[in-house]
C-alpha atoms as a PDB file:
ATOM      1  CA  MET A   1     -11.113 -18.339  20.641  1.00  0.00           C
ATOM      2  CA  MET A   2     -14.193 -17.770  18.492  1.00  0.00           C
ATOM      3  CA  ASN A   3     -17.065 -20.227  19.047  1.00  0.00           C
ATOM      4  CA  ILE A   4     -19.895 -19.649  16.486  1.00  0.00           C
ATOM      5  CA  LEU A   5     -23.113 -21.449  15.923  1.00  0.00           C
ATOM      6  CA  ILE A   6     -24.690 -21.160  12.382  1.00  0.00           C
ATOM      7  CA  SER A   7     -28.231 -22.276  11.406  1.00  0.00           C
ATOM      8  CA  GLY A   8     -28.301 -22.563   7.739  1.00  0.00           C
ATOM      9  CA  GLY A   9     -24.580 -23.152   7.665  1.00  0.00           C
ATOM     10  CA  SER A  10     -24.502 -25.403   4.624  1.00  0.00           C
ATOM     11  CA  GLY A  11     -26.521 -22.841   2.397  1.00  0.00           C
ATOM     12  CA  PHE A  12     -25.530 -20.378  -0.214  1.00  0.00           C
ATOM     13  CA  LEU A  13     -24.552 -17.719   2.407  1.00  0.00           C
ATOM     14  CA  GLY A  14     -23.691 -19.832   5.378  1.00  0.00           C
ATOM     15  CA  SER A  15     -20.987 -21.913   3.660  1.00  0.00           C
ATOM     16  CA  ALA A  16     -19.413 -19.050   2.062  1.00  0.00           C
ATOM     17  CA  PHE A  17     -19.345 -17.300   5.485  1.00  0.00           C
ATOM     18  CA  SER A  18     -17.855 -20.355   7.233  1.00  0.00           C
ATOM     19  CA  ASP A  19     -15.128 -20.612   4.542  1.00  0.00           C
ATOM     20  CA  GLU A  20     -14.104 -17.013   4.633  1.00  0.00           C
ATOM     21  CA  LEU A  21     -14.039 -17.012   8.418  1.00  0.00           C
ATOM     22  CA  ILE A  22     -11.950 -20.070   8.739  1.00  0.00           C
ATOM     23  CA  LYS A  23      -9.528 -18.533   6.103  1.00  0.00           C
ATOM     24  CA  ARG A  24      -9.119 -15.260   8.123  1.00  0.00           C
ATOM     25  CA  TYR A  25      -8.658 -17.007  11.476  1.00  0.00           C
ATOM     26  CA  LEU A  26      -6.052 -19.284   9.931  1.00  0.00           C
ATOM     27  CA  ALA A  27      -4.260 -16.367   8.411  1.00  0.00           C
ATOM     28  CA  GLN A  28      -4.272 -14.631  11.896  1.00  0.00           C
ATOM     29  CA  ASP A  29      -3.296 -17.787  13.765  1.00  0.00           C
ATOM     30  CA  LYS A  30      -6.535 -17.509  15.886  1.00  0.00           C
ATOM     31  CA  ASP A  31      -8.553 -20.305  17.290  1.00  0.00           C
ATOM     32  CA  LEU A  32     -11.966 -20.842  15.630  1.00  0.00           C
ATOM     33  CA  HIS A  33     -14.705 -23.276  16.151  1.00  0.00           C
ATOM     34  CA  ILE A  34     -17.705 -23.390  13.788  1.00  0.00           C
ATOM     35  CA  THR A  35     -20.796 -25.445  14.435  1.00  0.00           C
ATOM     36  CA  TRP A  36     -23.492 -25.967  11.864  1.00  0.00           C
ATOM     37  CA  LEU A  37     -27.020 -26.530  13.094  1.00  0.00           C
ATOM     38  CA  THR A  38     -28.797 -29.036  11.174  1.00  0.00           C
ATOM     39  CA  ARG A  39     -31.828 -31.524  10.936  1.00  0.00           C
ATOM     40  CA  ASP A  40     -29.742 -34.101   9.151  1.00  0.00           C
ATOM     41  CA  SER A  41     -26.500 -35.156  11.076  1.00  0.00           C
ATOM     42  CA  SER A  42     -25.407 -36.989   7.907  1.00  0.00           C
ATOM     43  CA  GLN A  43     -25.164 -33.819   5.939  1.00  0.00           C
ATOM     44  CA  THR A  44     -21.913 -33.217   4.043  1.00  0.00           C
ATOM     45  CA  HIS A  45     -19.815 -30.483   5.637  1.00  0.00           C
ATOM     46  CA  PRO A  46     -16.183 -29.488   5.723  1.00  0.00           C
ATOM     47  CA  SER A  47     -13.813 -31.177   8.102  1.00  0.00           C
ATOM     48  CA  THR A  48     -13.155 -27.820   9.761  1.00  0.00           C
ATOM     49  CA  VAL A  49     -16.929 -27.719  10.850  1.00  0.00           C
ATOM     50  CA  SER A  50     -18.867 -29.463  13.568  1.00  0.00           C
ATOM     51  CA  MET A  51     -22.352 -30.562  13.194  1.00  0.00           C
ATOM     52  CA  MET A  52     -25.197 -30.266  15.692  1.00  0.00           C
ATOM     53  CA  THR A  53     -28.825 -31.584  15.287  1.00  0.00           C
ATOM     54  CA  TYR A  54     -31.775 -29.536  16.699  1.00  0.00           C
ATOM     55  CA  ASP A  55     -32.361 -32.413  19.126  1.00  0.00           C
ATOM     56  CA  GLU A  56     -28.780 -32.161  20.261  1.00  0.00           C
ATOM     57  CA  LEU A  57     -29.254 -28.448  20.779  1.00  0.00           C
ATOM     58  CA  THR A  58     -31.856 -28.999  23.443  1.00  0.00           C
ATOM     59  CA  LYS A  59     -29.448 -30.974  25.482  1.00  0.00           C
ATOM     60  CA  THR A  60     -26.038 -29.426  24.932  1.00  0.00           C
ATOM     61  CA  ASP A  61     -24.029 -27.776  27.646  1.00  0.00           C
ATOM     62  CA  LYS A  62     -21.756 -26.003  24.998  1.00  0.00           C
ATOM     63  CA  SER A  63     -21.588 -22.301  24.845  1.00  0.00           C
ATOM     64  CA  PHE A  64     -21.255 -20.063  21.839  1.00  0.00           C
ATOM     65  CA  ASP A  65     -19.899 -16.486  21.436  1.00  0.00           C
ATOM     66  CA  VAL A  66     -22.043 -15.771  18.424  1.00  0.00           C
ATOM     67  CA  ILE A  67     -25.018 -17.359  16.777  1.00  0.00           C
ATOM     68  CA  LEU A  68     -25.766 -16.491  13.102  1.00  0.00           C
ATOM     69  CA  ASN A  69     -29.407 -17.412  12.209  1.00  0.00           C
ATOM     70  CA  LEU A  70     -29.760 -17.962   8.415  1.00  0.00           C
ATOM     71  CA  ALA A  71     -32.139 -20.812   8.231  1.00  0.00           C
ATOM     72  CA  GLY A  72     -34.995 -20.318   5.747  1.00  0.00           C
ATOM     73  CA  ALA A  73     -36.507 -21.528   2.569  1.00  0.00           C
ATOM     74  CA  GLY A  74     -35.960 -19.367  -0.520  1.00  0.00           C
ATOM     75  CA  ILE A  75     -38.684 -16.793  -0.945  1.00  0.00           C
ATOM     76  CA  ALA A  76     -38.274 -16.985  -4.840  1.00  0.00           C
ATOM     77  CA  ASP A  77     -38.045 -20.620  -5.292  1.00  0.00           C
ATOM     78  CA  SER A  78     -41.817 -21.175  -6.191  1.00  0.00           C
ATOM     79  CA  ARG A  79     -45.137 -19.344  -6.394  1.00  0.00           C
ATOM     80  CA  TRP A  80     -46.713 -18.141  -3.240  1.00  0.00           C
ATOM     81  CA  SER A  81     -49.684 -20.403  -2.690  1.00  0.00           C
ATOM     82  CA  ASP A  82     -51.135 -20.300   0.892  1.00  0.00           C
ATOM     83  CA  GLU A  83     -49.238 -23.608   1.610  1.00  0.00           C
ATOM     84  CA  ARG A  84     -45.976 -22.165   0.278  1.00  0.00           C
ATOM     85  CA  LYS A  85     -46.374 -18.987   2.361  1.00  0.00           C
ATOM     86  CA  GLU A  86     -46.897 -21.136   5.505  1.00  0.00           C
ATOM     87  CA  ALA A  87     -43.705 -23.173   4.623  1.00  0.00           C
ATOM     88  CA  LEU A  88     -41.715 -19.997   4.064  1.00  0.00           C
ATOM     89  CA  LEU A  89     -42.773 -18.688   7.478  1.00  0.00           C
ATOM     90  CA  ALA A  90     -42.238 -22.026   9.336  1.00  0.00           C
ATOM     91  CA  SER A  91     -38.772 -22.512   7.731  1.00  0.00           C
ATOM     92  CA  ARG A  92     -37.765 -19.245   9.518  1.00  0.00           C
ATOM     93  CA  ILE A  93     -39.901 -19.391  12.885  1.00  0.00           C
ATOM     94  CA  LYS A  94     -39.169 -22.921  13.848  1.00  0.00           C
ATOM     95  CA  PRO A  95     -35.311 -22.719  13.918  1.00  0.00           C
ATOM     96  CA  THR A  96     -35.469 -19.228  15.490  1.00  0.00           C
ATOM     97  CA  GLU A  97     -37.675 -20.576  18.245  1.00  0.00           C
ATOM     98  CA  SER A  98     -35.117 -23.510  18.774  1.00  0.00           C
ATOM     99  CA  LEU A  99     -32.291 -20.990  19.086  1.00  0.00           C
ATOM    100  CA  LEU A 100     -34.304 -18.860  21.602  1.00  0.00           C
ATOM    101  CA  GLU A 101     -35.047 -21.986  23.765  1.00  0.00           C
ATOM    102  CA  PHE A 102     -31.310 -22.664  23.819  1.00  0.00           C
ATOM    103  CA  ILE A 103     -30.357 -19.035  24.658  1.00  0.00           C
ATOM    104  CA  ALA A 104     -33.052 -19.071  27.480  1.00  0.00           C
ATOM    105  CA  ARG A 105     -31.712 -22.441  28.925  1.00  0.00           C
ATOM    106  CA  THR A 106     -27.793 -21.933  28.601  1.00  0.00           C
ATOM    107  CA  SER A 107     -26.165 -20.469  31.560  1.00  0.00           C
ATOM    108  CA  VAL A 108     -23.493 -18.749  29.382  1.00  0.00           C
ATOM    109  CA  LYS A 109     -25.186 -16.508  26.993  1.00  0.00           C
ATOM    110  CA  PRO A 110     -23.957 -15.638  23.532  1.00  0.00           C
ATOM    111  CA  LYS A 111     -22.389 -12.290  23.152  1.00  0.00           C
ATOM    112  CA  LEU A 112     -24.395 -11.477  19.997  1.00  0.00           C
ATOM    113  CA  LEU A 113     -27.216 -13.011  17.895  1.00  0.00           C
ATOM    114  CA  VAL A 114     -27.077 -12.082  14.106  1.00  0.00           C
ATOM    115  CA  SER A 115     -30.376 -12.944  12.652  1.00  0.00           C
ATOM    116  CA  GLY A 116     -31.233 -12.981   9.000  1.00  0.00           C
ATOM    117  CA  SER A 117     -34.061 -10.950   7.351  1.00  0.00           C
ATOM    118  CA  ALA A 118     -34.419  -9.341   3.892  1.00  0.00           C
ATOM    119  CA  ILE A 119     -35.021  -5.946   2.321  1.00  0.00           C
ATOM    120  CA  GLY A 120     -38.497  -7.294   1.681  1.00  0.00           C
ATOM    121  CA  TRP A 121     -38.897  -5.804   5.157  1.00  0.00           C
ATOM    122  CA  TYR A 122     -39.485  -2.353   3.456  1.00  0.00           C
ATOM    123  CA  GLY A 123     -42.171  -3.497   1.157  1.00  0.00           C
ATOM    124  CA  THR A 124     -42.768  -2.034  -2.483  1.00  0.00           C
ATOM    125  CA  GLN A 125     -41.604   1.583  -2.526  1.00  0.00           C
ATOM    126  CA  GLY A 126     -40.362   2.113  -5.994  1.00  0.00           C
ATOM    127  CA  ASP A 127     -37.284   4.363  -6.380  1.00  0.00           C
ATOM    128  CA  LYS A 128     -37.458   6.001  -2.960  1.00  0.00           C
ATOM    129  CA  SER A 129     -34.232   5.715  -1.216  1.00  0.00           C
ATOM    130  CA  LEU A 130     -34.493   3.435   1.895  1.00  0.00           C
ATOM    131  CA  THR A 131     -32.197   3.266   4.840  1.00  0.00           C
ATOM    132  CA  GLU A 132     -32.310   1.382   8.107  1.00  0.00           C
ATOM    133  CA  SER A 133     -34.429   4.317   9.575  1.00  0.00           C
ATOM    134  CA  SER A 134     -37.046   4.163   6.854  1.00  0.00           C
ATOM    135  CA  GLN A 135     -40.605   3.118   7.309  1.00  0.00           C
ATOM    136  CA  SER A 136     -42.184  -0.050   5.711  1.00  0.00           C
ATOM    137  CA  GLU A 137     -45.113  -0.631   3.540  1.00  0.00           C
ATOM    138  CA  THR A 138     -47.237  -3.688   4.276  1.00  0.00           C
ATOM    139  CA  ASP A 139     -47.239  -6.665   1.853  1.00  0.00           C
ATOM    140  CA  PHE A 140     -46.495 -10.473   2.188  1.00  0.00           C
ATOM    141  CA  SER A 141     -42.669  -9.839   2.109  1.00  0.00           C
ATOM    142  CA  HIS A 142     -42.750  -7.346   4.822  1.00  0.00           C
ATOM    143  CA  LYS A 143     -45.148  -9.618   7.072  1.00  0.00           C
ATOM    144  CA  LEU A 144     -42.770 -12.525   6.568  1.00  0.00           C
ATOM    145  CA  CYS A 145     -39.632 -10.595   7.567  1.00  0.00           C
ATOM    146  CA  GLU A 146     -41.335  -8.588  10.324  1.00  0.00           C
ATOM    147  CA  GLU A 147     -42.489 -11.834  12.154  1.00  0.00           C
ATOM    148  CA  TRP A 148     -39.032 -13.382  11.811  1.00  0.00           C
ATOM    149  CA  GLU A 149     -37.279 -10.139  13.124  1.00  0.00           C
ATOM    150  CA  GLN A 150     -39.595  -9.578  15.972  1.00  0.00           C
ATOM    151  CA  LEU A 151     -39.157 -13.387  17.166  1.00  0.00           C
ATOM    152  CA  ALA A 152     -35.373 -12.882  16.954  1.00  0.00           C
ATOM    153  CA  LEU A 153     -35.489  -9.756  19.012  1.00  0.00           C
ATOM    154  CA  LYS A 154     -36.702 -11.732  21.911  1.00  0.00           C
ATOM    155  CA  ALA A 155     -33.084 -12.834  22.565  1.00  0.00           C
ATOM    156  CA  THR A 156     -32.719  -9.395  24.098  1.00  0.00           C
ATOM    157  CA  GLU A 157     -34.934 -10.537  26.897  1.00  0.00           C
ATOM    158  CA  TYR A 158     -32.104 -12.984  27.903  1.00  0.00           C
ATOM    159  CA  SER A 159     -29.514  -9.909  27.695  1.00  0.00           C
ATOM    160  CA  VAL A 160     -28.168 -11.060  24.346  1.00  0.00           C
ATOM    161  CA  PRO A 161     -27.585  -8.190  21.765  1.00  0.00           C
ATOM    162  CA  VAL A 162     -29.195  -8.681  18.349  1.00  0.00           C
ATOM    163  CA  ALA A 163     -28.126  -7.646  14.855  1.00  0.00           C
ATOM    164  CA  ILE A 164     -30.799  -7.911  12.225  1.00  0.00           C
ATOM    165  CA  VAL A 165     -29.265  -8.175   8.620  1.00  0.00           C
ATOM    166  CA  ARG A 166     -31.711  -7.223   5.956  1.00  0.00           C
ATOM    167  CA  THR A 167     -30.223  -8.961   2.863  1.00  0.00           C
ATOM    168  CA  GLY A 168     -30.727  -7.689  -0.835  1.00  0.00           C
ATOM    169  CA  VAL A 169     -30.273  -9.762  -4.037  1.00  0.00           C
ATOM    170  CA  VAL A 170     -26.930 -11.566  -3.517  1.00  0.00           C
ATOM    171  CA  MET A 171     -24.789 -12.045  -6.562  1.00  0.00           C
ATOM    172  CA  HIS A 172     -22.668 -14.969  -7.108  1.00  0.00           C
ATOM    173  CA  PRO A 173     -22.618 -17.722  -9.942  1.00  0.00           C
ATOM    174  CA  ASP A 174     -22.900 -20.537  -7.227  1.00  0.00           C
ATOM    175  CA  GLY A 175     -26.433 -19.812  -6.469  1.00  0.00           C
ATOM    176  CA  GLY A 176     -29.138 -17.042  -5.661  1.00  0.00           C
ATOM    177  CA  MET A 177     -30.602 -14.847  -8.448  1.00  0.00           C
ATOM    178  CA  LEU A 178     -27.323 -14.912 -10.532  1.00  0.00           C
ATOM    179  CA  GLY A 179     -27.021 -18.623 -10.452  1.00  0.00           C
ATOM    180  CA  LYS A 180     -30.650 -19.075 -11.772  1.00  0.00           C
ATOM    181  CA  LEU A 181     -30.086 -16.484 -14.600  1.00  0.00           C
ATOM    182  CA  LEU A 182     -26.865 -17.888 -16.099  1.00  0.00           C
ATOM    183  CA  THR A 183     -28.242 -20.578 -18.160  1.00  0.00           C
ATOM    184  CA  PRO A 184     -30.934 -18.558 -20.086  1.00  0.00           C
ATOM    185  CA  PHE A 185     -28.588 -15.798 -20.523  1.00  0.00           C
ATOM    186  CA  LYS A 186     -25.771 -18.015 -21.733  1.00  0.00           C
ATOM    187  CA  MET A 187     -28.431 -19.315 -24.319  1.00  0.00           C
ATOM    188  CA  GLY A 188     -29.126 -15.751 -25.461  1.00  0.00           C
ATOM    189  CA  VAL A 189     -32.617 -15.696 -24.316  1.00  0.00           C
ATOM    190  CA  GLY A 190     -32.150 -13.448 -21.193  1.00  0.00           C
ATOM    191  CA  GLY A 191     -33.726 -10.055 -21.112  1.00  0.00           C
ATOM    192  CA  GLN A 192     -35.152  -7.459 -19.008  1.00  0.00           C
ATOM    193  CA  LEU A 193     -38.224  -7.835 -16.730  1.00  0.00           C
ATOM    194  CA  GLY A 194     -41.177  -5.575 -17.339  1.00  0.00           C
ATOM    195  CA  ASP A 195     -40.155  -2.001 -18.356  1.00  0.00           C
ATOM    196  CA  GLY A 196     -36.871  -2.579 -16.762  1.00  0.00           C
ATOM    197  CA  LYS A 197     -37.187   0.572 -14.722  1.00  0.00           C
ATOM    198  CA  GLN A 198     -37.482  -1.299 -11.214  1.00  0.00           C
ATOM    199  CA  ILE A 199     -34.557  -0.817  -8.967  1.00  0.00           C
ATOM    200  CA  MET A 200     -32.563  -3.814  -7.950  1.00  0.00           C
ATOM    201  CA  SER A 201     -30.789  -3.538  -4.497  1.00  0.00           C
ATOM    202  CA  TRP A 202     -28.146  -6.135  -4.908  1.00  0.00           C
ATOM    203  CA  VAL A 203     -24.775  -7.055  -3.129  1.00  0.00           C
ATOM    204  CA  SER A 204     -21.942  -9.431  -4.043  1.00  0.00           C
ATOM    205  CA  ARG A 205     -21.653 -12.522  -1.988  1.00  0.00           C
ATOM    206  CA  ASP A 206     -18.058 -11.627  -1.066  1.00  0.00           C
ATOM    207  CA  ASP A 207     -19.386  -8.321   0.369  1.00  0.00           C
ATOM    208  CA  TRP A 208     -22.272  -9.942   2.172  1.00  0.00           C
ATOM    209  CA  VAL A 209     -19.891 -12.278   3.935  1.00  0.00           C
ATOM    210  CA  GLY A 210     -17.318  -9.366   4.525  1.00  0.00           C
ATOM    211  CA  SER A 211     -19.967  -7.160   5.994  1.00  0.00           C
ATOM    212  CA  ALA A 212     -21.429  -9.917   8.176  1.00  0.00           C
ATOM    213  CA  ILE A 213     -17.947 -10.649   9.633  1.00  0.00           C
ATOM    214  CA  PHE A 214     -17.490  -6.931   9.923  1.00  0.00           C
ATOM    215  CA  ILE A 215     -20.574  -6.556  12.044  1.00  0.00           C
ATOM    216  CA  ILE A 216     -19.654  -9.444  14.425  1.00  0.00           C
ATOM    217  CA  GLU A 217     -16.147  -8.114  14.826  1.00  0.00           C
ATOM    218  CA  GLN A 218     -17.494  -4.690  15.493  1.00  0.00           C
ATOM    219  CA  HIS A 219     -19.849  -5.863  18.190  1.00  0.00           C
ATOM    220  CA  LEU A 220     -17.270  -8.156  19.852  1.00  0.00           C
ATOM    221  CA  ALA A 221     -14.746  -5.274  19.994  1.00  0.00           C
ATOM    222  CA  GLU A 222     -13.298  -4.279  23.554  1.00  0.00           C
ATOM    223  CA  GLU A 223     -15.671  -1.242  23.666  1.00  0.00           C
ATOM    224  CA  THR A 224     -18.927  -1.271  25.657  1.00  0.00           C
ATOM    225  CA  ASN A 225     -22.031  -2.667  24.140  1.00  0.00           C
ATOM    226  CA  GLU A 226     -23.493   0.974  23.841  1.00  0.00           C
ATOM    227  CA  GLN A 227     -20.363   1.925  21.776  1.00  0.00           C
ATOM    228  CA  LYS A 228     -20.473  -1.355  19.692  1.00  0.00           C
ATOM    229  CA  ILE A 229     -23.962  -0.894  18.385  1.00  0.00           C
ATOM    230  CA  SER A 230     -24.380   2.885  18.566  1.00  0.00           C
ATOM    231  CA  SER A 231     -26.248   4.623  15.661  1.00  0.00           C
ATOM    232  CA  SER A 232     -25.167   7.465  13.560  1.00  0.00           C
ATOM    233  CA  SER A 233     -26.991  10.789  14.117  1.00  0.00           C
ATOM    234  CA  THR A 234     -28.311  10.854  10.448  1.00  0.00           C
ATOM    235  CA  ASN A 235     -29.452   7.236  10.173  1.00  0.00           C
ATOM    236  CA  ASP A 236     -30.991   5.616  13.326  1.00  0.00           C
ATOM    237  CA  ASN A 237     -30.460   1.921  12.922  1.00  0.00           C
ATOM    238  CA  THR A 238     -31.525   0.858  16.533  1.00  0.00           C
ATOM    239  CA  LEU A 239     -34.603  -1.290  16.987  1.00  0.00           C
ATOM    240  CA  ILE A 240     -37.276  -0.889  19.638  1.00  0.00           C
ATOM    241  CA  THR A 241     -37.389  -3.517  22.362  1.00  0.00           C
ATOM    242  CA  GLU A 242     -38.838  -3.837  25.638  1.00  0.00           C
ATOM    243  CA  ASN A 243     -35.473  -3.661  27.553  1.00  0.00           C
ATOM    244  CA  ASP A 244     -32.126  -2.078  27.624  1.00  0.00           C
ATOM    245  CA  THR A 245     -30.245  -4.721  25.713  1.00  0.00           C
ATOM    246  CA  PRO A 246     -29.134  -3.223  22.439  1.00  0.00           C
ATOM    247  CA  ALA A 247     -30.666  -4.256  19.058  1.00  0.00           C
ATOM    248  CA  VAL A 248     -29.771  -2.908  15.639  1.00  0.00           C
ATOM    249  CA  VAL A 249     -30.540  -3.335  11.984  1.00  0.00           C
ATOM    250  CA  TYR A 250     -28.184  -3.306   8.851  1.00  0.00           C
ATOM    251  CA  ASN A 251     -28.981  -3.406   5.153  1.00  0.00           C
ATOM    252  CA  LEU A 252     -26.635  -5.863   3.615  1.00  0.00           C
ATOM    253  CA  THR A 253     -26.840  -4.230   0.050  1.00  0.00           C
ATOM    254  CA  ALA A 254     -24.340  -2.588  -2.166  1.00  0.00           C
ATOM    255  CA  PRO A 255     -24.220   1.311  -2.203  1.00  0.00           C
ATOM    256  CA  ASN A 256     -25.043   1.504  -5.984  1.00  0.00           C
ATOM    257  CA  PRO A 257     -28.428  -0.251  -6.678  1.00  0.00           C
ATOM    258  CA  VAL A 258     -29.107  -0.566 -10.483  1.00  0.00           C
ATOM    259  CA  THR A 259     -32.253  -0.684 -12.595  1.00  0.00           C
ATOM    260  CA  ASN A 260     -33.309  -4.023 -14.024  1.00  0.00           C
ATOM    261  CA  ARG A 261     -32.445  -2.752 -17.504  1.00  0.00           C
ATOM    262  CA  THR A 262     -28.943  -1.939 -16.469  1.00  0.00           C
ATOM    263  CA  PHE A 263     -28.424  -5.217 -14.655  1.00  0.00           C
ATOM    264  CA  THR A 264     -29.660  -6.991 -17.837  1.00  0.00           C
ATOM    265  CA  LYS A 265     -27.259  -5.100 -20.056  1.00  0.00           C
ATOM    266  CA  ALA A 266     -24.376  -5.547 -17.607  1.00  0.00           C
ATOM    267  CA  LEU A 267     -25.010  -9.385 -17.348  1.00  0.00           C
ATOM    268  CA  GLY A 268     -25.328  -9.772 -21.126  1.00  0.00           C
ATOM    269  CA  SER A 269     -22.020  -7.873 -21.724  1.00  0.00           C
ATOM    270  CA  TRP A 270     -20.309  -9.938 -19.040  1.00  0.00           C
ATOM    271  CA  LEU A 271     -21.348 -13.174 -20.635  1.00  0.00           C
ATOM    272  CA  HIS A 272     -21.022 -11.727 -24.269  1.00  0.00           C
ATOM    273  CA  ARG A 273     -24.507 -12.606 -24.941  1.00  0.00           C
ATOM    274  CA  PRO A 274     -27.464 -10.472 -26.370  1.00  0.00           C
ATOM    275  CA  THR A 275     -30.343  -9.378 -24.386  1.00  0.00           C
ATOM    276  CA  PHE A 276     -33.008  -8.640 -26.762  1.00  0.00           C
ATOM    277  CA  PHE A 277     -35.976 -10.392 -24.997  1.00  0.00           C
ATOM    278  CA  THR A 278     -38.443  -8.658 -22.692  1.00  0.00           C
ATOM    279  CA  LEU A 279     -40.733 -10.521 -20.221  1.00  0.00           C
ATOM    280  CA  PRO A 280     -43.863  -7.950 -19.953  1.00  0.00           C
ATOM    281  CA  ASP A 281     -45.430  -7.522 -16.553  1.00  0.00           C
ATOM    282  CA  PHE A 282     -48.736  -9.285 -17.558  1.00  0.00           C
ATOM    283  CA  LEU A 283     -46.769 -12.527 -18.543  1.00  0.00           C
ATOM    284  CA  LEU A 284     -44.744 -12.368 -15.310  1.00  0.00           C
ATOM    285  CA  LYS A 285     -47.835 -12.106 -13.118  1.00  0.00           C
ATOM    286  CA  LEU A 286     -49.335 -15.045 -15.135  1.00  0.00           C
ATOM    287  CA  MET A 287     -46.205 -17.044 -14.644  1.00  0.00           C
ATOM    288  CA  PHE A 288     -45.578 -16.273 -10.964  1.00  0.00           C
ATOM    289  CA  GLY A 289     -48.672 -14.865  -9.462  1.00  0.00           C
ATOM    290  CA  GLU A 290     -48.146 -12.699  -6.416  1.00  0.00           C
ATOM    291  CA  MET A 291     -44.509 -13.664  -6.284  1.00  0.00           C
ATOM    292  CA  SER A 292     -44.107 -11.510  -9.448  1.00  0.00           C
ATOM    293  CA  THR A 293     -43.745  -8.432  -7.115  1.00  0.00           C
ATOM    294  CA  LEU A 294     -40.212  -9.500  -6.550  1.00  0.00           C
ATOM    295  CA  LEU A 295     -39.528  -9.057 -10.225  1.00  0.00           C
ATOM    296  CA  ILE A 296     -41.635  -6.214 -11.209  1.00  0.00           C
ATOM    297  CA  ASP A 297     -41.557  -3.769  -8.116  1.00  0.00           C
ATOM    298  CA  GLY A 298     -38.194  -2.398  -7.228  1.00  0.00           C
ATOM    299  CA  GLN A 299     -36.480  -1.299  -4.016  1.00  0.00           C
ATOM    300  CA  LYS A 300     -33.770   1.124  -3.545  1.00  0.00           C
ATOM    301  CA  VAL A 301     -32.221   0.003  -0.334  1.00  0.00           C
ATOM    302  CA  LEU A 302     -29.021   1.620   0.782  1.00  0.00           C
ATOM    303  CA  PRO A 303     -26.412   0.151   3.292  1.00  0.00           C
ATOM    304  CA  GLN A 304     -26.168   3.263   5.401  1.00  0.00           C
ATOM    305  CA  ALA A 305     -25.359   1.817   8.585  1.00  0.00           C
ATOM    306  CA  LEU A 306     -22.626  -0.155   7.320  1.00  0.00           C
ATOM    307  CA  LEU A 307     -21.176   2.881   5.533  1.00  0.00           C
ATOM    308  CA  ASP A 308     -21.413   4.998   8.763  1.00  0.00           C
ATOM    309  CA  ALA A 309     -19.668   2.184  10.739  1.00  0.00           C
ATOM    310  CA  GLY A 310     -16.656   2.425   8.194  1.00  0.00           C
ATOM    311  CA  TYR A 311     -17.341  -0.971   6.182  1.00  0.00           C
ATOM    312  CA  GLU A 312     -15.376  -0.717   2.841  1.00  0.00           C
ATOM    313  CA  PHE A 313     -17.056  -2.479  -0.115  1.00  0.00           C
ATOM    314  CA  LYS A 314     -14.905  -4.839  -2.064  1.00  0.00           C
ATOM    315  CA  GLN A 315     -17.312  -4.596  -4.970  1.00  0.00           C
ATOM    316  CA  PRO A 316     -19.378  -1.463  -4.797  1.00  0.00           C
ATOM    317  CA  THR A 317     -20.550  -1.393  -8.366  1.00  0.00           C
ATOM    318  CA  LEU A 318     -22.235  -4.299 -10.409  1.00  0.00           C
ATOM    319  CA  GLU A 319     -19.501  -4.071 -13.029  1.00  0.00           C
ATOM    320  CA  GLN A 320     -16.926  -4.866 -10.428  1.00  0.00           C
ATOM    321  CA  ALA A 321     -18.978  -7.696  -8.862  1.00  0.00           C
ATOM    322  CA  LEU A 322     -19.409  -9.384 -12.113  1.00  0.00           C
ATOM    323  CA  ALA A 323     -15.828  -8.793 -13.167  1.00  0.00           C
ATOM    324  CA  GLU A 324     -14.495 -10.380  -9.998  1.00  0.00           C
ATOM    325  CA  GLN A 325     -16.805 -13.479 -10.077  1.00  0.00           C
ATOM    326  CA  LYS A 326     -14.867 -16.782 -10.351  1.00  0.00           C
END
């Protein structure tokens, strides 16, 4: 029996994760109970999923094998005003604090906390290859991710192992970056951003879900905790905590990042549309302000820990990811 609690369960990633986990457990005739943590108990949800409000979380005596913490407002949804920055942080910190309060109170601790983050943690580093053992550069994206990660790591103080998942640009027509780009590209007005040389570290939603399930199953295997979250000798993905409870980080990106120019051409080819337009840097900065760094400045982030652990990507190249979209 797997009993899992998900914050952000109804979102772009949480809903797809839930659907795939249900499908796998049904196929294997295994028992599964998924609970979505929500602020609105009337929220639409699948009949196979239970709902729990944050108020109910403070009182429940239920226990969970795994907690998946995905709650957080979209970092690219609007300009980064001071008010927006505060909202982005609060949308991540408050749900995580609620989960930590539950973990501290419950007598039966979860076996694993998987907590969201983003490759923005690494900051802007151009075309330098970055793995889980790489250092970061400080900017707003890094500060946002770092505060979120450090809070989640406090679960180790209650002997709960933690896996931080730093997510790249997730590709699927249902949402995320690809969902937003479909309309302008279908209209024939899509094009590259800036000089198009910036690196895009992406992952298909299928592989994001697959790798998240892989991480959970790996950590719940019958081996000892030390074996479950051991690091490779070439890429240390362990995180420093103040106790002996294990904590690791995984980059959830595809092994083949691409330039924005390559992405633009691939998307245009997939949609059979021209991609002549270019949005220059100065116009992107004028339109999006500080947030334009997400569009102009690239990151080459590689999923070394996943590859070392034996995860096999279903869609390792962008062409495969687009071809298999439904």
